[in-house]
């Protein structure tokens, strides 16, 4: 590529790639006067498009004939990401850490912003053409990992073929009491009523089977920290089953918890492992439980 065709002082550069390489390598070679942290920031900020698509991967392959567009100017609108952090992003997926208390999607009764709305505003501030599509939900009371798609195609592919792509999902919770079982599988039939309450029934009629596996991680005299793996997915599944088992998730007054030492339901989506729906790449995201989880068990 003729570097003279890429003026360094322009806020917007658009040109054709002349040789095969990777995105970050190309930027370092083409713009030696710009520091590497700046180049990474430009990529992470969604300010680079390849053939019209926003690209944030450092090792994205560039082919001869690709059109690259670089917006060196910072986004004109700054959006503060309240109650969530972006932990991964590529041209197809966004993975966030959601705080407890934040709804995943809009609700008719809720006036405060939800995760979709916050992320959508952030992405549109970078480029009005950016889109955000939720792939799955995380309970309002829970914190942890949540996936979004950048196109309806990727959203539908993951939602319609969830079991083909998602390899593993795990949660961590603090429950009230000292559990004797180091491992256990809970199986129940669940229903929900018009008041949004989930409850256990004895027969499968008009009910959904819920299967939850847990293992003990750590405990004190008052609390137990458990890791959960869901074989099925039903709203409030862990919370309902653990309450029925006699060890409710602490802070969960909706399902019989007596204490609320953390000021929230002590449930955290700590791991998701999947095959990328487009590239096939193996992805694994893990967030250790919040420090107050660990401290609560240590204090007893």
Protein backbone atom coordinates (compact mmCIF):
# COMPACT_ATOMS: atom_id res chain seq x y z
CA UNK A 1 0.00 0.00 0.00
CA UNK A 2 1.18 3.49 -0.79
CA UNK A 3 1.36 5.22 2.59
CA UNK A 4 1.11 8.62 0.95
CA UNK A 5 -2.54 7.82 0.24
CA UNK A 6 -3.26 7.65 3.97
CA UNK A 7 -2.85 11.16 5.41
CA UNK A 8 -2.02 11.02 9.12
CA UNK A 9 -3.90 14.15 10.09
CA UNK A 10 -7.32 13.23 8.75
CA UNK A 11 -10.04 12.25 11.21
CA UNK A 12 -11.42 9.69 8.72
CA UNK A 13 -9.28 7.41 6.55
CA UNK A 14 -10.78 5.09 3.95
CA UNK A 15 -8.74 2.99 1.53
CA UNK A 16 -8.24 -0.48 0.01
CA UNK A 17 -5.95 -3.09 1.56
CA UNK A 18 -3.17 -4.15 -0.81
CA UNK A 19 -1.81 -7.24 0.94
CA UNK A 20 -2.90 -9.97 3.36
CA UNK A 21 -2.11 -9.34 7.02
CA UNK A 22 -3.79 -8.91 10.41
CA UNK A 23 -5.52 -5.73 11.54
CA UNK A 24 -3.23 -4.67 14.39
CA UNK A 25 -0.10 -5.54 12.42
CA UNK A 26 -1.41 -3.46 9.53
CA UNK A 27 -2.13 -0.46 11.76
CA UNK A 28 1.29 -0.60 13.44
CA UNK A 29 3.07 -0.78 10.07
CA UNK A 30 0.89 1.86 8.39
CA UNK A 31 0.72 4.36 11.24
CA UNK A 32 4.14 4.16 12.98
CA UNK A 33 3.64 7.64 14.44
CA UNK A 34 0.64 6.46 16.48
CA UNK A 35 1.27 4.59 19.71
CA UNK A 36 0.09 1.00 20.07
CA UNK A 37 -2.30 1.75 23.02
CA UNK A 38 -4.04 4.35 20.84
CA UNK A 39 -4.43 1.88 17.99
CA UNK A 40 -5.93 -0.68 20.37
CA UNK A 41 -8.25 1.97 21.80
CA UNK A 42 -9.48 2.88 18.32
CA UNK A 43 -10.21 -0.78 17.61
CA UNK A 44 -11.89 -1.37 20.97
CA UNK A 45 -13.98 1.76 20.52
CA UNK A 46 -15.59 0.41 17.36
CA UNK A 47 -13.94 3.09 15.21
CA UNK A 48 -12.72 0.70 12.50
CA UNK A 49 -14.85 -0.85 9.77
CA UNK A 50 -13.80 -3.54 7.32
CA UNK A 51 -16.09 -3.82 4.30
CA UNK A 52 -18.71 -1.92 6.31
CA UNK A 53 -18.58 -4.10 9.44
CA UNK A 54 -17.25 -2.83 12.78
CA UNK A 55 -14.17 -4.87 13.69
CA UNK A 56 -12.62 -4.94 17.17
CA UNK A 57 -10.47 -8.09 17.00
CA UNK A 58 -6.74 -7.31 16.95
CA UNK A 59 -5.95 -10.39 14.84
CA UNK A 60 -8.78 -9.97 12.34
CA UNK A 61 -7.44 -11.16 8.95
CA UNK A 62 -7.22 -8.53 6.24
CA UNK A 63 -7.39 -9.64 2.60
CA UNK A 64 -6.27 -7.86 -0.52
CA UNK A 65 -9.19 -5.77 -1.78
CA UNK A 66 -10.80 -5.26 1.67
CA UNK A 67 -12.01 -1.73 2.30
CA UNK A 68 -10.91 -0.29 5.62
CA UNK A 69 -12.37 2.81 7.21
CA UNK A 70 -10.79 4.34 10.31
CA UNK A 71 -12.48 7.05 12.35
CA UNK A 72 -9.67 8.63 14.38
CA UNK A 73 -12.03 11.06 16.11
CA UNK A 74 -13.41 9.94 19.44
CA UNK A 75 -17.19 9.36 19.54
CA UNK A 76 -18.94 12.69 19.90
CA UNK A 77 -21.36 11.34 22.48
CA UNK A 78 -20.10 9.73 25.66
CA UNK A 79 -22.33 7.10 27.24
CA UNK A 80 -21.65 6.10 30.83
CA UNK A 81 -22.12 2.36 31.19
CA UNK A 82 -23.96 2.09 34.48
CA UNK A 83 -24.29 -1.32 36.11
CA UNK A 84 -22.47 -3.18 33.34
CA UNK A 85 -18.99 -3.69 31.91
CA UNK A 86 -18.06 -4.95 28.46
CA UNK A 87 -15.65 -7.85 28.90
CA UNK A 88 -15.44 -9.05 25.28
CA UNK A 89 -16.43 -7.77 21.86
CA UNK A 90 -15.89 -8.84 18.25
CA UNK A 91 -17.79 -8.21 15.01
CA UNK A 92 -20.58 -10.61 16.02
CA UNK A 93 -20.80 -10.79 19.82
CA UNK A 94 -20.68 -8.61 22.93
CA UNK A 95 -20.20 -10.15 26.37
CA UNK A 96 -20.95 -8.06 29.44
CA UNK A 97 -20.79 -8.30 33.21
CA UNK A 98 -24.19 -7.25 34.57
CA UNK A 99 -24.57 -5.93 38.09
CA UNK A 100 -27.33 -7.17 40.38
CA UNK A 101 -30.48 -5.03 40.20
CA UNK A 102 -30.30 -4.37 36.46
CA UNK A 103 -32.98 -5.83 34.19
CA UNK A 104 -31.73 -7.62 31.08
CA UNK A 105 -34.55 -6.28 28.89
CA UNK A 106 -37.36 -3.72 29.13
CA UNK A 107 -40.36 -4.26 31.37
CA UNK A 108 -43.73 -2.49 31.26
CA UNK A 109 -43.48 -1.73 34.97
CA UNK A 110 -39.84 -0.62 34.97
CA UNK A 111 -38.84 2.97 34.20
CA UNK A 112 -35.11 2.59 34.86
CA UNK A 113 -32.77 1.65 32.04
CA UNK A 114 -32.09 -2.00 31.29
CA UNK A 115 -28.96 -3.74 29.98
CA UNK A 116 -30.15 -3.73 26.35
CA UNK A 117 -30.91 -0.01 26.43
CA UNK A 118 -27.62 0.96 28.10
CA UNK A 119 -25.58 -1.13 25.67
CA UNK A 120 -27.60 0.10 22.68
CA UNK A 121 -26.95 3.74 23.57
CA UNK A 122 -23.25 3.03 23.97
CA UNK A 123 -22.98 1.29 20.60
CA UNK A 124 -25.03 3.89 18.75
CA UNK A 125 -22.85 6.65 20.20
CA UNK A 126 -19.90 5.01 18.43
CA UNK A 127 -21.85 4.58 15.20
CA UNK A 128 -25.62 5.08 14.70
CA UNK A 129 -25.68 1.99 12.46
CA UNK A 130 -24.66 -0.33 15.30
CA UNK A 131 -27.29 -2.76 16.55
CA UNK A 132 -27.64 -4.81 19.74
CA UNK A 133 -29.70 -7.99 20.15
CA UNK A 134 -30.04 -9.90 23.41
CA UNK A 135 -29.32 -13.63 23.22
CA UNK A 136 -30.40 -14.80 26.66
CA UNK A 137 -31.53 -13.23 29.93
CA UNK A 138 -30.13 -13.05 33.42
CA UNK A 139 -32.42 -12.54 36.37
CA UNK A 140 -32.61 -8.98 37.61
CA UNK A 141 -31.46 -10.00 41.08
CA UNK A 142 -28.41 -11.86 39.75
CA UNK A 143 -25.06 -10.52 38.61
CA UNK A 144 -22.71 -12.00 36.04
CA UNK A 145 -22.17 -12.84 32.39
CA UNK A 146 -24.68 -11.91 29.69
CA UNK A 147 -24.39 -12.34 25.90
CA UNK A 148 -25.53 -10.02 23.10
CA UNK A 149 -25.41 -10.27 19.31
CA UNK A 150 -24.61 -7.50 16.85
CA UNK A 151 -26.98 -8.87 14.22
CA UNK A 152 -30.35 -10.58 14.14
CA UNK A 153 -28.76 -13.47 12.24
CA UNK A 154 -26.33 -14.26 15.07
CA UNK A 155 -29.07 -13.79 17.66
CA UNK A 156 -31.38 -16.27 15.95
CA UNK A 157 -28.57 -18.74 15.31
CA UNK A 158 -27.67 -18.90 19.00
CA UNK A 159 -31.22 -18.80 20.33
CA UNK A 160 -32.51 -21.47 17.93
CA UNK A 161 -29.50 -23.77 18.35
CA UNK A 162 -28.45 -22.96 21.92
CA UNK A 163 -27.40 -26.51 22.80
CA UNK A 164 -25.22 -26.77 19.69
CA UNK A 165 -23.13 -23.74 20.64
CA UNK A 166 -23.20 -23.37 24.42
CA UNK A 167 -20.84 -25.88 26.00
CA UNK A 168 -21.14 -24.93 29.66
CA UNK A 169 -22.87 -22.41 31.95
CA UNK A 170 -22.33 -22.10 35.69
CA UNK A 171 -23.57 -20.01 38.60
CA UNK A 172 -22.29 -19.40 42.10
CA UNK A 173 -24.61 -18.67 45.02
CA UNK A 174 -24.43 -18.21 48.77
CA UNK A 175 -27.19 -20.14 50.53
CA UNK A 176 -28.29 -19.97 54.14
CA UNK A 177 -27.17 -22.83 56.32
CA UNK A 178 -24.44 -25.47 56.34
CA UNK A 179 -25.02 -28.11 53.66
CA UNK A 180 -23.83 -31.66 54.33
CA UNK A 181 -23.87 -32.78 50.69
CA UNK A 182 -20.68 -32.04 48.76
CA UNK A 183 -22.58 -32.66 45.49
CA UNK A 184 -26.23 -33.16 44.63
CA UNK A 185 -28.71 -33.11 41.74
CA UNK A 186 -32.13 -31.51 42.24
CA UNK A 187 -35.07 -32.52 40.02
CA UNK A 188 -38.48 -30.86 40.25
CA UNK A 189 -41.45 -29.77 38.16
CA UNK A 190 -41.93 -26.01 38.07
CA UNK A 191 -44.82 -23.73 37.22
CA UNK A 192 -45.25 -19.96 37.38
CA UNK A 193 -48.41 -18.03 38.21
CA UNK A 194 -49.82 -14.68 37.09
CA UNK A 195 -47.99 -12.96 39.95
CA UNK A 196 -44.63 -14.02 38.48
CA UNK A 197 -44.07 -16.49 41.31
CA UNK A 198 -42.41 -19.81 40.44
CA UNK A 199 -43.36 -22.85 42.49
CA UNK A 200 -42.83 -26.60 42.61
CA UNK A 201 -45.59 -29.10 41.78
CA UNK A 202 -45.74 -32.89 42.13
CA UNK A 203 -46.84 -33.79 38.60
CA UNK A 204 -45.55 -32.87 35.12
CA UNK A 205 -49.00 -31.66 34.01
CA UNK A 206 -48.67 -28.10 32.68
CA UNK A 207 -45.23 -27.93 34.30
CA UNK A 208 -41.58 -27.87 33.22
CA UNK A 209 -38.97 -30.25 34.56
CA UNK A 210 -36.04 -28.46 36.20
CA UNK A 211 -32.71 -30.23 36.74
CA UNK A 212 -29.96 -28.50 38.71
CA UNK A 213 -26.58 -29.89 39.75
CA UNK A 214 -24.59 -28.29 42.54
CA UNK A 215 -21.33 -28.84 44.35
CA UNK A 216 -20.04 -27.32 47.56
CA UNK A 217 -17.18 -24.84 47.19
CA UNK A 218 -16.83 -23.39 50.67
CA UNK A 219 -18.86 -23.03 53.86
CA UNK A 220 -19.07 -21.67 57.37
CA UNK A 221 -21.52 -22.33 60.19
CA UNK A 222 -24.06 -19.89 58.73
CA UNK A 223 -23.57 -20.02 54.96
CA UNK A 224 -22.52 -22.30 52.10
CA UNK A 225 -21.06 -21.23 48.78
CA UNK A 226 -22.23 -23.51 45.95
CA UNK A 227 -21.49 -23.82 42.25
CA UNK A 228 -24.47 -24.68 40.06
CA UNK A 229 -24.75 -26.22 36.63
CA UNK A 230 -28.17 -26.06 34.99
CA UNK A 231 -29.30 -28.94 32.83
CA UNK A 232 -32.51 -27.03 32.12
CA UNK A 233 -33.32 -23.34 32.22
CA UNK A 234 -36.44 -22.01 33.96
CA UNK A 235 -36.97 -18.63 35.55
CA UNK A 236 -35.76 -18.53 39.19
CA UNK A 237 -34.84 -22.22 38.91
CA UNK A 238 -31.90 -22.21 41.34
CA UNK A 239 -33.69 -19.96 43.82
CA UNK A 240 -36.89 -22.03 43.90
CA UNK A 241 -35.17 -25.40 44.11
CA UNK A 242 -32.75 -24.36 46.84
CA UNK A 243 -35.57 -22.85 48.90
CA UNK A 244 -37.51 -26.12 48.57
CA UNK A 245 -34.38 -28.04 49.57
CA UNK A 246 -34.23 -25.99 52.75
CA UNK A 247 -31.24 -23.79 51.92
CA UNK A 248 -32.54 -20.59 50.28
CA UNK A 249 -30.22 -18.21 48.47
CA UNK A 250 -29.41 -15.52 51.00
CA UNK A 251 -31.06 -12.18 50.31
CA UNK A 252 -33.87 -13.89 48.40
CA UNK A 253 -36.90 -12.88 50.47
CA UNK A 254 -39.16 -13.85 47.57
CA UNK A 255 -38.19 -17.46 48.19
CA UNK A 256 -38.01 -17.73 52.02
CA UNK A 257 -34.55 -16.30 52.78
CA UNK A 258 -34.37 -14.89 56.31
CA UNK A 259 -31.24 -12.77 55.91
CA UNK A 260 -29.95 -10.16 53.48
CA UNK A 261 -26.33 -9.49 54.46
CA UNK A 262 -25.24 -8.33 51.00
CA UNK A 263 -28.25 -6.16 50.21
CA UNK A 264 -29.01 -8.33 47.17
CA UNK A 265 -29.80 -11.89 46.12
CA UNK A 266 -26.45 -13.73 46.35
CA UNK A 267 -26.56 -15.31 42.87
CA UNK A 268 -23.83 -14.80 40.26
CA UNK A 269 -23.50 -16.18 36.69
CA UNK A 270 -19.78 -16.86 36.77
CA UNK A 271 -19.05 -18.90 33.64
CA UNK A 272 -20.15 -19.39 30.06
CA UNK A 273 -18.28 -21.47 27.49
CA UNK A 274 -19.36 -21.62 23.87
CA UNK A 275 -18.44 -22.17 20.25
CA UNK A 276 -18.49 -18.93 18.28
CA UNK A 277 -21.57 -19.07 16.01
CA UNK A 278 -19.69 -17.63 13.02
CA UNK A 279 -15.97 -18.39 13.35
CA UNK A 280 -16.32 -21.62 15.31
CA UNK A 281 -13.71 -20.33 17.77
CA UNK A 282 -13.81 -21.75 21.29
CA UNK A 283 -14.69 -18.99 23.77
CA UNK A 284 -14.72 -19.20 27.57
CA UNK A 285 -15.64 -16.35 29.91
CA UNK A 286 -15.31 -16.64 33.66
CA UNK A 287 -15.93 -14.08 36.41
CA UNK A 288 -14.94 -14.97 39.94
CA UNK A 289 -17.69 -14.40 42.50
CA UNK A 290 -17.75 -10.90 44.00
CA UNK A 291 -15.43 -10.40 46.97
CA UNK A 292 -18.38 -9.91 49.33
CA UNK A 293 -19.52 -13.44 48.45
CA UNK A 294 -16.19 -14.89 49.55
CA UNK A 295 -15.96 -12.65 52.60
CA UNK A 296 -19.44 -13.60 53.76
CA UNK A 297 -18.57 -17.28 53.88
CA UNK A 298 -15.23 -16.54 55.55
CA UNK A 299 -16.92 -14.52 58.29
CA UNK A 300 -19.64 -17.06 58.85
